[in-house]
Structure formats: structure tokens, C-alpha cells
Amino acid sequence: MCDEAGGHDAAVDDRRAHRFAVATSPLLASTLVPYLLVSFKKRFPQVRVEILDLPVDNVAAPVRSGQAAFGICTSDLNAQDLSTTALCQDRLMLACPAGHALASLRDVRWFDLCDEPLVLLRQGSGLRVLVEQGFAEVGETFKPAYEVAQVTTAIGLVQAGLGISILPSFVLSCALPANVVLVPLVDPVIKRGVVAISGAEQDLSESSEAFFAHSCRESRGMFSL
């Protein structure tokens, strides 16, 4: 009887060892993370990865508490107390309606956006900070036509023809509406890092460590550093 109980407990512990959570932002949860999961599942089908898709500013909290084995986020997150591993970089792109005058260009300068109706993420977001940096580097000011909290909202407004937006290249992985195109922004080219964050003293399970290593390796194949 005791042996049977011990065997049952070992089986439960084994199942738990193959389950863990990863915290990430909504954009990365719909772009980079599914890409990583598909290839990981082919190698480790028995492992169950729970995705905690959280507002960007909340990604670090479950990593600190141990609820998540690690997090995947952009490098501008305030998480200096956590260990950071570079995964890849994405760059800022112009998102505009397919019929827009800028849509057919190979690339677009920041200066050319100054008089356009802009759909931007709200002040305080990491993406907005990068947009402000872009305009500052060309010595121009701007006034958004719309300010929103989510990338999907910005895409919807662009699709409706209400303006153009500046978005990260990871949205290339989304199912963009057919009438929305992305054009590289230049002069300047602005990129941001995507990183994995983990507790400095936290020991990863064998399964979560395997996914961590997989994420570091495979993400570099999606967008180069």
C-alpha cells in the first residue's frame, strides 16, 4: 500500500515537473511566443507550458513571485533586479493603409511623418518612448490624432483609414488586415531589444530550463540581433 502511494506521489511530482508558466506581454504572446512553442512542442510534446499574457508592466511580478519560471518582454521593462538574457531585436515600422502615398515606398523617413495623422500608443508606454525618440532625433514635434493602449486598436484605426501608426516589426507575425502594410522607418532606424527575464537566485526545472534555452536559440532565427 505504501509503495503504491509512493508511486502515485512520484507520478504527480513528475507531471508537475513538466508544467510551468511563462509571463509575457499580449503582443509577444501573439507573435514570438507561439512561434517558440510550436517548435518546442515538436521536441518535448509531454511538457505543458502555461502562458500568462499580462499588461507589459505586470510581466515581472509573477517572475519575482515564482508563479512564472521566466518572462519574455521588451528590454525597456523596469526589472533591474532580475537576470536578463537578450533574445532578439525588433524595429519600428510605419503601418499605413495600402492606398496611402507612403505605402509603396521601400522605406520612409521619420521627417515625412510629421504632418500625417498619427495613431500612437499612450504616453508612458515603452513603444511611445521610442516614437518620441525618433521624432526628437530629427528635431520635429508631433501631435497624435489618436492615442490608444493596445497595438490591435492602432491597427484597427489604420485599417479604417483614420491615420497611420508606428509599430514594432513583430506585428508582421500577426494576421494583419489585407489593406494595412508595414514599411521600414529610416533616418533614424530605431530598434528595441526583446529579452528573457528570470530570478537571479531562482532554479529552473529541467523542462523550463529546456524551454528557456530553446527560446534563446530559436528567437534569433526570427529577428536578428
Protein backbone atom coordinates (compact mmCIF):
# COMPACT_ATOMS: atom_id res chain seq x y z
CA MET A 1 0.00 0.00 0.00
CA CYS A 2 2.76 2.40 0.97
CA ASP A 3 4.65 1.54 -2.20
CA GLU A 4 1.56 2.29 -4.28
CA ALA A 5 1.08 5.64 -2.55
CA GLY A 6 4.73 6.49 -3.04
CA GLY A 7 4.47 5.60 -6.71
CA HIS A 8 1.41 7.82 -7.08
CA ASP A 9 3.18 10.76 -5.42
CA ALA A 10 6.17 10.31 -7.70
CA ALA A 11 3.89 10.34 -10.74
CA VAL A 12 2.23 13.56 -9.56
CA ASP A 13 5.64 15.17 -8.96
CA ASP A 14 6.75 14.07 -12.42
CA ARG A 15 3.72 15.67 -14.05
CA ARG A 16 4.32 18.88 -12.12
CA ALA A 17 7.94 18.90 -13.25
CA HIS A 18 6.72 19.01 -16.83
CA ARG A 19 4.44 22.02 -16.21
CA PHE A 20 5.49 25.62 -15.80
CA ALA A 21 4.35 29.14 -16.68
CA VAL A 22 5.93 31.87 -18.79
CA ALA A 23 4.87 35.50 -18.39
CA THR A 24 4.78 37.78 -21.41
CA SER A 25 3.04 40.77 -22.95
CA PRO A 26 -0.06 40.47 -25.20
CA LEU A 27 1.89 41.39 -28.37
CA LEU A 28 4.67 38.87 -27.76
CA ALA A 29 2.09 36.29 -26.64
CA SER A 30 0.50 36.52 -30.08
CA THR A 31 3.70 36.70 -32.16
CA LEU A 32 7.03 35.43 -30.83
CA VAL A 33 5.82 33.04 -28.12
CA PRO A 34 3.57 30.86 -30.36
CA TYR A 35 6.49 30.53 -32.79
CA LEU A 36 8.67 29.30 -29.93
CA LEU A 37 6.01 26.94 -28.58
CA VAL A 38 5.33 25.18 -31.88
CA SER A 39 8.97 24.23 -32.39
CA PHE A 40 9.42 23.35 -28.68
CA LYS A 41 6.37 21.05 -28.66
CA LYS A 42 7.82 19.06 -31.54
CA ARG A 43 10.79 18.17 -29.37
CA PHE A 44 9.05 17.96 -25.99
CA PRO A 45 5.38 17.06 -26.53
CA GLN A 46 4.95 15.97 -22.90
CA VAL A 47 5.72 19.43 -21.50
CA ARG A 48 2.84 21.79 -20.76
CA VAL A 49 3.68 25.49 -20.92
CA GLU A 50 1.15 27.90 -19.41
CA ILE A 51 1.18 31.39 -20.95
CA LEU A 52 0.48 34.34 -18.65
CA ASP A 53 -0.33 37.14 -21.10
CA LEU A 54 -0.26 40.25 -18.97
CA PRO A 55 -0.06 44.02 -19.37
CA VAL A 56 3.55 44.90 -20.11
CA ASP A 57 4.18 46.50 -16.71
CA ASN A 58 2.94 43.34 -14.92
CA VAL A 59 5.20 40.80 -16.62
CA ALA A 60 7.96 40.93 -13.99
CA ALA A 61 5.70 40.34 -10.96
CA PRO A 62 4.97 36.60 -11.49
CA VAL A 63 8.67 36.03 -12.23
CA ARG A 64 9.60 37.63 -8.91
CA SER A 65 6.97 35.61 -7.03
CA GLY A 66 7.90 32.33 -8.71
CA GLN A 67 4.49 31.94 -10.36
CA ALA A 68 6.27 32.07 -13.72
CA ALA A 69 9.55 30.29 -14.45
CA PHE A 70 10.65 33.27 -16.50
CA GLY A 71 9.28 36.12 -18.58
CA ILE A 72 9.64 37.30 -22.16
CA CYS A 73 9.34 41.06 -22.65
CA THR A 74 10.96 44.11 -24.20
CA SER A 75 14.17 45.41 -22.67
CA ASP A 76 12.59 48.69 -21.55
CA LEU A 77 10.70 46.93 -18.73
CA ASN A 78 11.75 48.09 -15.27
CA ALA A 79 13.23 44.84 -13.96
CA GLN A 80 16.78 45.62 -12.91
CA ASP A 81 16.51 43.17 -10.02
CA LEU A 82 16.06 40.25 -12.43
CA SER A 83 18.56 38.47 -14.65
CA THR A 84 18.19 39.49 -18.30
CA THR A 85 19.12 37.45 -21.38
CA ALA A 86 18.93 39.03 -24.85
CA LEU A 87 16.72 37.15 -27.30
CA CYS A 88 16.39 39.34 -30.39
CA GLN A 89 15.51 42.81 -31.59
CA ASP A 90 12.57 44.27 -33.42
CA ARG A 91 12.48 47.64 -35.21
CA LEU A 92 9.90 50.35 -35.56
CA MET A 93 7.85 50.29 -38.77
CA LEU A 94 5.30 52.54 -40.41
CA ALA A 95 1.82 50.96 -40.57
CA CYS A 96 -0.44 52.63 -43.12
CA PRO A 97 -3.41 51.85 -45.40
CA ALA A 98 -2.42 50.10 -48.62
CA GLY A 99 -3.61 53.06 -50.70
CA HIS A 100 -1.61 55.63 -48.75
CA ALA A 101 1.05 57.63 -50.59
CA LEU A 102 3.78 56.21 -48.34
CA ALA A 103 2.69 52.58 -48.68
CA SER A 104 4.55 51.90 -51.94
CA LEU A 105 7.92 53.24 -50.77
CA ARG A 106 10.83 50.94 -49.92
CA ASP A 107 11.37 52.88 -46.69
CA VAL A 108 10.09 56.07 -45.06
CA ARG A 109 11.93 58.82 -43.17
CA TRP A 110 10.65 59.99 -39.78
CA PHE A 111 10.62 63.53 -41.12
CA ASP A 112 7.96 62.51 -43.67
CA LEU A 113 5.53 61.57 -40.87
CA CYS A 114 5.33 64.97 -39.20
CA ASP A 115 2.21 66.21 -41.00
CA GLU A 116 0.40 62.85 -41.00
CA PRO A 117 -2.48 61.92 -38.64
CA LEU A 118 -0.69 59.62 -36.20
CA VAL A 119 -2.21 56.76 -34.21
CA LEU A 120 0.18 56.16 -31.31
CA LEU A 121 0.39 54.19 -28.09
CA ARG A 122 -0.30 56.26 -24.99
CA GLN A 123 2.39 58.27 -23.19
CA GLY A 124 4.38 56.23 -20.72
CA SER A 125 4.44 53.05 -22.80
CA GLY A 126 7.82 51.74 -23.93
CA LEU A 127 6.76 51.99 -27.57
CA ARG A 128 5.70 55.62 -27.17
CA VAL A 129 9.09 56.47 -25.65
CA LEU A 130 10.80 55.09 -28.76
CA VAL A 131 8.47 57.06 -31.04
CA GLU A 132 9.30 60.25 -29.15
CA GLN A 133 12.98 59.39 -29.55
CA GLY A 134 12.56 59.04 -33.32
CA PHE A 135 10.98 62.45 -33.74
CA ALA A 136 13.49 64.04 -31.34
CA GLU A 137 16.38 62.76 -33.44
CA VAL A 138 15.05 64.62 -36.50
CA GLY A 139 14.22 67.71 -34.43
CA GLU A 140 10.48 67.55 -35.05
CA THR A 141 7.42 67.73 -32.84
CA PHE A 142 4.18 65.81 -33.38
CA LYS A 143 0.60 65.76 -32.18
CA PRO A 144 -1.21 62.40 -32.32
CA ALA A 145 -4.63 62.16 -33.92
CA TYR A 146 -5.39 59.20 -31.63
CA GLU A 147 -3.71 57.72 -28.55
CA VAL A 148 -4.55 54.12 -27.66
CA ALA A 149 -3.46 51.43 -25.19
CA GLN A 150 -3.27 48.39 -27.47
CA VAL A 151 -1.45 47.64 -30.72
CA THR A 152 -4.57 45.91 -32.07
CA THR A 153 -6.56 49.12 -31.59
CA ALA A 154 -3.95 51.08 -33.52
CA ILE A 155 -4.11 48.56 -36.37
CA GLY A 156 -7.91 48.83 -36.45
CA LEU A 157 -7.80 52.62 -36.72
CA VAL A 158 -5.22 52.40 -39.50
CA GLN A 159 -7.38 49.84 -41.31
CA ALA A 160 -10.32 52.23 -41.12
CA GLY A 161 -8.23 54.96 -42.77
CA LEU A 162 -8.18 57.20 -39.69
CA GLY A 163 -4.42 57.62 -39.65
CA ILE A 164 -1.05 55.92 -39.79
CA SER A 165 0.86 54.31 -36.93
CA ILE A 166 4.36 53.42 -35.80
CA LEU A 167 4.53 49.82 -34.62
CA PRO A 168 7.16 47.15 -33.87
CA SER A 169 8.14 44.70 -36.57
CA PHE A 170 6.70 41.82 -34.53
CA VAL A 171 3.26 42.76 -35.87
CA LEU A 172 4.50 41.26 -39.14
CA SER A 173 3.77 37.92 -37.45
CA CYS A 174 0.14 38.86 -36.83
CA ALA A 175 -2.72 38.39 -39.24
CA LEU A 176 -2.63 41.97 -40.49
CA PRO A 177 -5.68 43.22 -42.40
CA ALA A 178 -5.14 42.98 -46.15
CA ASN A 179 -5.34 46.76 -46.54
CA VAL A 180 -2.65 47.54 -43.94
CA VAL A 181 1.02 47.48 -44.96
CA LEU A 182 4.23 47.91 -42.99
CA VAL A 183 7.13 49.99 -44.33
CA PRO A 184 10.57 50.21 -42.64
CA LEU A 185 11.35 53.53 -40.98
CA VAL A 186 14.80 55.07 -41.55
CA ASP A 187 16.75 58.18 -40.63
CA PRO A 188 16.84 57.04 -37.88
CA VAL A 189 16.40 53.26 -37.67
CA ILE A 190 15.14 52.54 -34.16
CA LYS A 191 15.22 49.08 -32.62
CA ARG A 192 14.37 47.66 -29.23
CA GLY A 193 15.56 44.53 -27.51
CA VAL A 194 13.41 41.55 -26.59
CA VAL A 195 14.69 39.71 -23.53
CA ALA A 196 14.02 36.81 -21.20
CA ILE A 197 13.91 37.73 -17.52
CA SER A 198 14.39 35.33 -14.62
CA GLY A 199 15.00 35.45 -10.89
CA ALA A 200 18.69 35.82 -10.10
CA GLU A 201 18.52 33.09 -7.42
CA GLN A 202 15.72 31.02 -8.97
CA ASP A 203 16.49 27.48 -10.09
CA LEU A 204 14.60 26.45 -13.22
CA SER A 205 13.15 22.98 -13.56
CA GLU A 206 14.63 20.76 -16.24
CA SER A 207 11.62 21.41 -18.52
CA SER A 208 11.54 25.19 -18.03
CA GLU A 209 15.31 25.39 -18.48
CA ALA A 210 14.93 23.50 -21.78
CA PHE A 211 12.30 26.00 -22.97
CA PHE A 212 14.47 28.91 -21.81
CA ALA A 213 17.41 27.61 -23.87
CA HIS A 214 15.08 26.89 -26.80
CA SER A 215 13.72 30.45 -26.65
CA CYS A 216 17.21 31.95 -26.68
CA ARG A 217 18.22 29.86 -29.67
CA GLU A 218 15.07 29.99 -31.81
CA SER A 219 14.18 33.66 -31.35
CA ARG A 220 17.41 34.66 -33.05
CA GLY A 221 16.12 32.91 -36.15
CA MET A 222 13.01 35.10 -36.19
CA PHE A 223 14.57 38.55 -35.86
CA SER A 224 18.33 39.03 -35.81
CA LEU A 225 20.18 40.83 -33.06
